[in-house]
PDB file of N, CA and C in Angstrom:
ATOM      1  N   MET A   1      28.386  25.962 -22.596  1.00  0.00           N
ATOM      2  CA  MET A   1      26.880  25.461 -22.723  1.00  0.00           C
ATOM      3  C   MET A   1      26.734  24.241 -23.555  1.00  0.00           C
ATOM      4  N   SER A   2      25.569  23.503 -23.059  1.00  0.00           N
ATOM      5  CA  SER A   2      25.498  22.423 -23.620  1.00  0.00           C
ATOM      6  C   SER A   2      24.812  22.420 -25.173  1.00  0.00           C
ATOM      7  N   SER A   3      25.269  20.931 -25.702  1.00  0.00           N
ATOM      8  CA  SER A   3      24.523  21.367 -27.257  1.00  0.00           C
ATOM      9  C   SER A   3      23.377  20.230 -27.293  1.00  0.00           C
ATOM     10  N   ARG A   4      23.243  19.611 -26.063  1.00  0.00           N
ATOM     11  CA  ARG A   4      22.399  18.815 -26.132  1.00  0.00           C
ATOM     12  C   ARG A   4      20.976  19.505 -26.003  1.00  0.00           C
ATOM     13  N   ARG A   5      19.840  19.013 -26.790  1.00  0.00           N
ATOM     14  CA  ARG A   5      18.481  19.319 -26.640  1.00  0.00           C
ATOM     15  C   ARG A   5      17.698  18.826 -25.833  1.00  0.00           C
ATOM     16  N   LYS A   6      16.890  19.655 -24.963  1.00  0.00           N
ATOM     17  CA  LYS A   6      15.976  19.199 -24.146  1.00  0.00           C
ATOM     18  C   LYS A   6      15.145  17.552 -24.658  1.00  0.00           C
ATOM     19  N   ALA A   7      14.590  17.066 -23.636  1.00  0.00           N
ATOM     20  CA  ALA A   7      13.951  15.863 -24.394  1.00  0.00           C
ATOM     21  C   ALA A   7      12.590  16.417 -24.459  1.00  0.00           C
ATOM     22  N   SER A   8      11.694  16.489 -25.225  1.00  0.00           N
ATOM     23  CA  SER A   8      10.319  16.949 -25.159  1.00  0.00           C
ATOM     24  C   SER A   8       9.564  15.882 -24.707  1.00  0.00           C
ATOM     25  N   ARG A   9       8.456  16.346 -23.910  1.00  0.00           N
ATOM     26  CA  ARG A   9       7.832  15.586 -22.881  1.00  0.00           C
ATOM     27  C   ARG A   9       6.582  15.154 -24.236  1.00  0.00           C
ATOM     28  N   PRO A  10       6.076  14.009 -23.809  1.00  0.00           N
ATOM     29  CA  PRO A  10       5.041  13.686 -24.939  1.00  0.00           C
ATOM     30  C   PRO A  10       3.702  14.608 -24.452  1.00  0.00           C
ATOM     31  N   SER A  11       3.038  14.717 -25.697  1.00  0.00           N
ATOM     32  CA  SER A  11       1.772  15.377 -25.640  1.00  0.00           C
ATOM     33  C   SER A  11       0.999  14.807 -24.320  1.00  0.00           C
ATOM     34  N   GLU A  12       0.320  15.676 -23.182  1.00  0.00           N
ATOM     35  CA  GLU A  12      -0.742  15.251 -22.531  1.00  0.00           C
ATOM     36  C   GLU A  12      -2.204  15.245 -23.411  1.00  0.00           C
ATOM     37  N   PRO A  13      -3.119  14.294 -23.083  1.00  0.00           N
ATOM     38  CA  PRO A  13      -4.058  13.985 -23.508  1.00  0.00           C
ATOM     39  C   PRO A  13      -5.134  15.410 -23.152  1.00  0.00           C
ATOM     40  N   ASN A  14      -5.680  15.538 -24.474  1.00  0.00           N
ATOM     41  CA  ASN A  14      -6.795  16.949 -24.120  1.00  0.00           C
ATOM     42  C   ASN A  14      -8.040  16.723 -24.268  1.00  0.00           C
ATOM     43  N   PRO A  15      -9.138  16.214 -23.562  1.00  0.00           N
ATOM     44  CA  PRO A  15     -10.215  15.727 -24.325  1.00  0.00           C
ATOM     45  C   PRO A  15     -10.873  16.687 -24.543  1.00  0.00           C
ATOM     46  N   VAL A  16     -11.057  17.835 -24.055  1.00  0.00           N
ATOM     47  CA  VAL A  16     -11.694  19.313 -24.455  1.00  0.00           C
ATOM     48  C   VAL A  16     -11.515  19.325 -25.871  1.00  0.00           C
ATOM     49  N   GLY A  17      -9.932  19.384 -25.948  1.00  0.00           N
ATOM     50  CA  GLY A  17      -9.692  19.820 -27.285  1.00  0.00           C
ATOM     51  C   GLY A  17     -10.049  18.616 -28.529  1.00  0.00           C
ATOM     52  N   GLU A  18     -10.089  17.781 -28.067  1.00  0.00           N
ATOM     53  CA  GLU A  18     -10.491  16.409 -29.311  1.00  0.00           C
ATOM     54  C   GLU A  18     -11.475  16.487 -29.465  1.00  0.00           C
ATOM     55  N   LEU A  19     -12.666  16.847 -28.159  1.00  0.00           N
ATOM     56  CA  LEU A  19     -14.200  17.126 -28.465  1.00  0.00           C
ATOM     57  C   LEU A  19     -14.401  18.078 -29.374  1.00  0.00           C
ATOM     58  N   LEU A  20     -13.648  19.354 -29.084  1.00  0.00           N
ATOM     59  CA  LEU A  20     -14.038  20.707 -30.019  1.00  0.00           C
ATOM     60  C   LEU A  20     -13.350  20.255 -31.404  1.00  0.00           C
ATOM     61  N   ALA A  21     -12.331  19.484 -31.322  1.00  0.00           N
ATOM     62  CA  ALA A  21     -11.666  19.351 -32.705  1.00  0.00           C
ATOM     63  C   ALA A  21     -12.908  18.297 -33.845  1.00  0.00           C
ATOM     64  N   SER A  22     -13.457  17.391 -32.895  1.00  0.00           N
ATOM     65  CA  SER A  22     -14.636  16.777 -33.546  1.00  0.00           C
ATOM     66  C   SER A  22     -15.571  17.557 -34.231  1.00  0.00           C
ATOM     67  N   LEU A  23     -16.244  18.370 -33.463  1.00  0.00           N
ATOM     68  CA  LEU A  23     -16.991  19.596 -34.002  1.00  0.00           C
ATOM     69  C   LEU A  23     -16.715  20.610 -34.691  1.00  0.00           C
ATOM     70  N   ASP A  24     -15.716  20.537 -35.373  1.00  0.00           N
ATOM     71  CA  ASP A  24     -14.982  21.461 -36.049  1.00  0.00           C
ATOM     72  C   ASP A  24     -15.894  21.813 -37.310  1.00  0.00           C
ATOM     73  N   GLY A  25     -16.507  22.921 -37.613  1.00  0.00           N
ATOM     74  CA  GLY A  25     -17.131  23.206 -38.707  1.00  0.00           C
ATOM     75  C   GLY A  25     -18.881  22.558 -38.463  1.00  0.00           C
ATOM     76  N   ALA A  26     -19.400  22.505 -37.090  1.00  0.00           N
ATOM     77  CA  ALA A  26     -20.579  21.872 -36.865  1.00  0.00           C
ATOM     78  C   ALA A  26     -21.304  23.271 -36.583  1.00  0.00           C
ATOM     79  N   GLN A  27     -22.616  23.179 -36.957  1.00  0.00           N
ATOM     80  CA  GLN A  27     -23.485  24.331 -36.371  1.00  0.00           C
ATOM     81  C   GLN A  27     -24.608  23.916 -35.189  1.00  0.00           C
ATOM     82  N   ILE A  28     -24.618  24.434 -34.293  1.00  0.00           N
ATOM     83  CA  ILE A  28     -25.283  23.790 -33.049  1.00  0.00           C
ATOM     84  C   ILE A  28     -26.563  24.906 -32.617  1.00  0.00           C
ATOM     85  N   GLN A  29     -27.693  24.152 -33.027  1.00  0.00           N
ATOM     86  CA  GLN A  29     -28.698  25.267 -32.311  1.00  0.00           C
ATOM     87  C   GLN A  29     -28.719  25.806 -31.103  1.00  0.00           C
ATOM     88  N   GLY A  30     -29.267  27.059 -30.857  1.00  0.00           N
ATOM     89  CA  GLY A  30     -29.104  27.780 -29.480  1.00  0.00           C
ATOM     90  C   GLY A  30     -28.047  28.528 -29.462  1.00  0.00           C
ATOM     91  N   GLY A  31     -28.120  28.931 -28.409  1.00  0.00           N
ATOM     92  CA  GLY A  31     -27.063  30.106 -27.639  1.00  0.00           C
ATOM     93  C   GLY A  31     -27.662  31.558 -27.611  1.00  0.00           C
ATOM     94  N   CYS A  32     -28.948  31.740 -27.450  1.00  0.00           N
ATOM     95  CA  CYS A  32     -29.766  33.243 -27.417  1.00  0.00           C
ATOM     96  C   CYS A  32     -31.167  32.948 -26.692  1.00  0.00           C
ATOM     97  N   ASP A  33     -31.596  33.460 -25.716  1.00  0.00           N
ATOM     98  CA  ASP A  33     -32.895  33.472 -25.529  1.00  0.00           C
ATOM     99  C   ASP A  33     -33.974  34.243 -26.151  1.00  0.00           C
ATOM    100  N   TYR A  34     -33.556  34.800 -27.040  1.00  0.00           N
ATOM    101  CA  TYR A  34     -34.459  35.991 -27.649  1.00  0.00           C
ATOM    102  C   TYR A  34     -34.484  35.611 -29.233  1.00  0.00           C
ATOM    103  N   CYS A  35     -33.639  34.675 -29.766  1.00  0.00           N
ATOM    104  CA  CYS A  35     -34.123  34.817 -31.303  1.00  0.00           C
ATOM    105  C   CYS A  35     -33.373  33.207 -31.364  1.00  0.00           C
ATOM    106  N   ASP A  36     -33.504  32.706 -32.754  1.00  0.00           N
ATOM    107  CA  ASP A  36     -33.247  31.371 -33.139  1.00  0.00           C
ATOM    108  C   ASP A  36     -31.634  31.545 -33.620  1.00  0.00           C
ATOM    109  N   ALA A  37     -30.751  31.851 -32.615  1.00  0.00           N
ATOM    110  CA  ALA A  37     -29.489  31.871 -33.003  1.00  0.00           C
ATOM    111  C   ALA A  37     -28.820  30.394 -33.061  1.00  0.00           C
ATOM    112  N   TYR A  38     -27.849  30.412 -33.764  1.00  0.00           N
ATOM    113  CA  TYR A  38     -26.735  29.261 -33.558  1.00  0.00           C
ATOM    114  C   TYR A  38     -25.360  29.432 -33.380  1.00  0.00           C
ATOM    115  N   GLN A  39     -24.759  28.376 -33.009  1.00  0.00           N
ATOM    116  CA  GLN A  39     -23.389  28.736 -32.652  1.00  0.00           C
ATOM    117  C   GLN A  39     -22.309  27.698 -33.828  1.00  0.00           C
ATOM    118  N   THR A  40     -21.277  28.185 -34.111  1.00  0.00           N
ATOM    119  CA  THR A  40     -20.681  27.468 -35.148  1.00  0.00           C
ATOM    120  C   THR A  40     -19.084  27.267 -34.248  1.00  0.00           C
ATOM    121  N   ILE A  41     -18.406  26.359 -34.823  1.00  0.00           N
ATOM    122  CA  ILE A  41     -17.338  25.811 -33.623  1.00  0.00           C
ATOM    123  C   ILE A  41     -16.049  25.942 -34.845  1.00  0.00           C
ATOM    124  N   ARG A  42     -15.097  26.464 -34.641  1.00  0.00           N
ATOM    125  CA  ARG A  42     -13.746  26.483 -35.872  1.00  0.00           C
ATOM    126  C   ARG A  42     -12.413  26.222 -35.054  1.00  0.00           C
ATOM    127  N   ALA A  43     -11.623  25.404 -35.850  1.00  0.00           N
ATOM    128  CA  ALA A  43     -10.583  24.812 -35.084  1.00  0.00           C
ATOM    129  C   ALA A  43      -9.177  26.049 -35.807  1.00  0.00           C
ATOM    130  N   HIS A  44      -8.608  26.696 -35.148  1.00  0.00           N
ATOM    131  CA  HIS A  44      -7.544  27.311 -35.506  1.00  0.00           C
ATOM    132  C   HIS A  44      -6.058  27.252 -35.305  1.00  0.00           C
ATOM    133  N   ALA A  45      -5.520  26.748 -36.347  1.00  0.00           N
ATOM    134  CA  ALA A  45      -3.910  26.396 -35.793  1.00  0.00           C
ATOM    135  C   ALA A  45      -3.266  27.283 -35.088  1.00  0.00           C
ATOM    136  N   LEU A  46      -2.414  27.166 -33.837  1.00  0.00           N
ATOM    137  CA  LEU A  46      -1.607  28.112 -33.290  1.00  0.00           C
ATOM    138  C   LEU A  46      -0.197  27.318 -32.861  1.00  0.00           C
ATOM    139  N   GLY A  47       0.511  27.185 -33.753  1.00  0.00           N
ATOM    140  CA  GLY A  47       1.444  26.728 -33.636  1.00  0.00           C
ATOM    141  C   GLY A  47       1.503  25.067 -33.487  1.00  0.00           C
ATOM    142  N   SER A  48       2.002  24.453 -32.586  1.00  0.00           N
ATOM    143  CA  SER A  48       1.634  22.868 -32.687  1.00  0.00           C
ATOM    144  C   SER A  48       0.441  22.796 -32.104  1.00  0.00           C
ATOM    145  N   HIS A  49      -0.602  23.915 -31.366  1.00  0.00           N
ATOM    146  CA  HIS A  49      -1.795  23.599 -30.930  1.00  0.00           C
ATOM    147  C   HIS A  49      -2.754  23.779 -31.762  1.00  0.00           C
ATOM    148  N   ALA A  50      -3.876  23.902 -31.193  1.00  0.00           N
ATOM    149  CA  ALA A  50      -5.132  24.231 -31.991  1.00  0.00           C
ATOM    150  C   ALA A  50      -6.112  24.971 -31.173  1.00  0.00           C
ATOM    151  N   ALA A  51      -6.567  26.417 -31.387  1.00  0.00           N
ATOM    152  CA  ALA A  51      -7.384  26.983 -30.648  1.00  0.00           C
ATOM    153  C   ALA A  51      -8.642  26.862 -31.516  1.00  0.00           C
ATOM    154  N   HIS A  52     -10.039  26.966 -30.425  1.00  0.00           N
ATOM    155  CA  HIS A  52     -11.419  26.692 -31.024  1.00  0.00           C
ATOM    156  C   HIS A  52     -12.087  28.066 -30.593  1.00  0.00           C
ATOM    157  N   MET A  53     -12.549  28.385 -31.640  1.00  0.00           N
ATOM    158  CA  MET A  53     -13.547  29.328 -31.517  1.00  0.00           C
ATOM    159  C   MET A  53     -14.876  29.387 -31.725  1.00  0.00           C
ATOM    160  N   ILE A  54     -15.662  29.600 -30.393  1.00  0.00           N
ATOM    161  CA  ILE A  54     -17.212  29.044 -30.612  1.00  0.00           C
ATOM    162  C   ILE A  54     -18.063  30.715 -30.744  1.00  0.00           C
ATOM    163  N   THR A  55     -18.442  31.030 -31.955  1.00  0.00           N
ATOM    164  CA  THR A  55     -19.128  32.312 -32.645  1.00  0.00           C
ATOM    165  C   THR A  55     -20.546  31.919 -32.536  1.00  0.00           C
ATOM    166  N   ILE A  56     -21.274  32.971 -31.758  1.00  0.00           N
ATOM    167  CA  ILE A  56     -22.954  32.544 -31.819  1.00  0.00           C
ATOM    168  C   ILE A  56     -23.735  33.680 -32.779  1.00  0.00           C
ATOM    169  N   HIS A  57     -24.184  33.063 -33.947  1.00  0.00           N
ATOM    170  CA  HIS A  57     -25.049  33.873 -34.921  1.00  0.00           C
ATOM    171  C   HIS A  57     -26.348  34.159 -34.315  1.00  0.00           C
ATOM    172  N   HIS A  58     -26.739  35.477 -34.190  1.00  0.00           N
ATOM    173  CA  HIS A  58     -27.976  35.779 -34.241  1.00  0.00           C
ATOM    174  C   HIS A  58     -28.961  36.070 -35.192  1.00  0.00           C
ATOM    175  N   ASP A  59     -30.273  36.522 -34.982  1.00  0.00           N
ATOM    176  CA  ASP A  59     -30.828  36.855 -36.065  1.00  0.00           C
ATOM    177  C   ASP A  59     -30.580  38.461 -36.233  1.00  0.00           C
ATOM    178  N   ASP A  60     -31.192  38.882 -36.982  1.00  0.00           N
ATOM    179  CA  ASP A  60     -30.940  40.396 -37.827  1.00  0.00           C
ATOM    180  C   ASP A  60     -31.386  41.308 -36.463  1.00  0.00           C
ATOM    181  N   TRP A  61     -32.561  41.095 -36.310  1.00  0.00           N
ATOM    182  CA  TRP A  61     -33.474  41.743 -35.447  1.00  0.00           C
ATOM    183  C   TRP A  61     -33.283  41.365 -34.124  1.00  0.00           C
ATOM    184  N   CYS A  62     -32.159  40.303 -33.525  1.00  0.00           N
ATOM    185  CA  CYS A  62     -32.542  40.270 -31.955  1.00  0.00           C
ATOM    186  C   CYS A  62     -31.882  41.450 -31.192  1.00  0.00           C
ATOM    187  N   PRO A  63     -32.495  41.535 -30.160  1.00  0.00           N
ATOM    188  CA  PRO A  63     -31.887  42.603 -29.433  1.00  0.00           C
ATOM    189  C   PRO A  63     -30.674  42.576 -28.645  1.00  0.00           C
ATOM    190  N   VAL A  64     -30.376  41.151 -28.533  1.00  0.00           N
ATOM    191  CA  VAL A  64     -28.996  40.947 -27.926  1.00  0.00           C
ATOM    192  C   VAL A  64     -27.985  41.385 -28.978  1.00  0.00           C
ATOM    193  N   LEU A  65     -28.086  41.048 -30.327  1.00  0.00           N
ATOM    194  CA  LEU A  65     -26.995  41.294 -31.458  1.00  0.00           C
ATOM    195  C   LEU A  65     -26.715  42.763 -31.268  1.00  0.00           C
ATOM    196  N   THR A  66     -28.008  43.645 -31.050  1.00  0.00           N
ATOM    197  CA  THR A  66     -28.274  45.182 -31.427  1.00  0.00           C
ATOM    198  C   THR A  66     -27.112  45.646 -30.294  1.00  0.00           C
ATOM    199  N   ALA A  67     -27.337  45.086 -29.034  1.00  0.00           N
ATOM    200  CA  ALA A  67     -26.741  45.637 -27.766  1.00  0.00           C
ATOM    201  C   ALA A  67     -25.306  45.461 -27.893  1.00  0.00           C
ATOM    202  N   HIS A  68     -24.638  44.283 -28.258  1.00  0.00           N
ATOM    203  CA  HIS A  68     -23.678  43.774 -28.462  1.00  0.00           C
ATOM    204  C   HIS A  68     -22.786  45.059 -29.539  1.00  0.00           C
ATOM    205  N   GLN A  69     -23.754  45.112 -30.713  1.00  0.00           N
ATOM    206  CA  GLN A  69     -23.101  46.246 -31.644  1.00  0.00           C
ATOM    207  C   GLN A  69     -22.923  47.617 -31.171  1.00  0.00           C
ATOM    208  N   LEU A  70     -23.757  47.877 -30.065  1.00  0.00           N
ATOM    209  CA  LEU A  70     -23.605  49.215 -29.588  1.00  0.00           C
ATOM    210  C   LEU A  70     -22.697  49.242 -28.321  1.00  0.00           C
ATOM    211  N   GLY A  71     -22.079  48.145 -27.962  1.00  0.00           N
ATOM    212  CA  GLY A  71     -21.807  48.208 -26.961  1.00  0.00           C
ATOM    213  C   GLY A  71     -21.983  48.060 -25.612  1.00  0.00           C
ATOM    214  N   VAL A  72     -23.257  47.961 -25.613  1.00  0.00           N
ATOM    215  CA  VAL A  72     -24.014  47.898 -24.291  1.00  0.00           C
ATOM    216  C   VAL A  72     -23.983  46.814 -23.297  1.00  0.00           C
TER     217      VAL A  72
END
């Protein structure tokens, strides 16, 4: 068995990841047709990569939020 390590490939550019990273923590208006929802974008470290989570925050009275909470 060889003790040589595999040469690592240079990271390929990821324009979507770069765009989402630049929006980390941003609040973006919209995301629901029924209420004044807004979206937040958060970066989460995942090893040497980053995963981005986009969360929609609905108004408490929103029927879409209610349906989601009830699993409908």
